């Protein structure tokens, strides 16, 4: 039986085939995306493929540069041909939760400015209903105690993300509040509610953002579309 890392590699390497010479490509963040980047790095060396990468985190930018990729900011490109990113959960409608790595704001910015998007996941991330994975919400630190209280009063079981005993910080310097929801019965309503809360920068619900997901399974890569 293949390990989870092997399944991630299957998905990442399959998705690398979507990148064509001369493209501008949004590069996601996370452990599965690392395999995508490795595959693209191999294509640069072996096949001479050239593309411009638009990273969704500083971590991805650094990793891509080390593999020989041309990296530019979202503000320095006119358009993005395709963005390939991971996801923490994907439901049958190809809606998802993202932000386990704390990069959902940059990820959503890059995705919404792309002509098309594709997600890459191992089969454990394919779920019937979103919500078991805690929903990340990036918030301003100022006033976050009041916002956390409001989220708790709504029954969303918020928890401020920590790293090494301190607040986890996004690339924008904000903090993350993870909502332990168990299941999300009405994702569109929840997305609207969170987006309208003062102090919320961005949430990790990605709805109608992509029509394609590449899943690494025990039987190889499976591409699902809608």
Foldseek 3Di string as FASTA:
>chain_A
DDDQLVLLLLQLLVVLVVDAAAFEEEQADDSSSLSVLVNVLVCCVPVVGAYEYAYLAPVVVVSNVVSVHHYDHPVPDDAGAEYEYEFQAAAPQRWGFDCPVPRQVSVVVNLVRYPAYEYEHAPVRYDHFDQQFWKKWWFAPVPVVVVVVVCVVVVQQWDWDDDPRHFDAGPVRTTIITGRGNGDPDVVVVLVVQVPDPGTPHIGTGPPSHFWYWYRYPVGIDIGGD
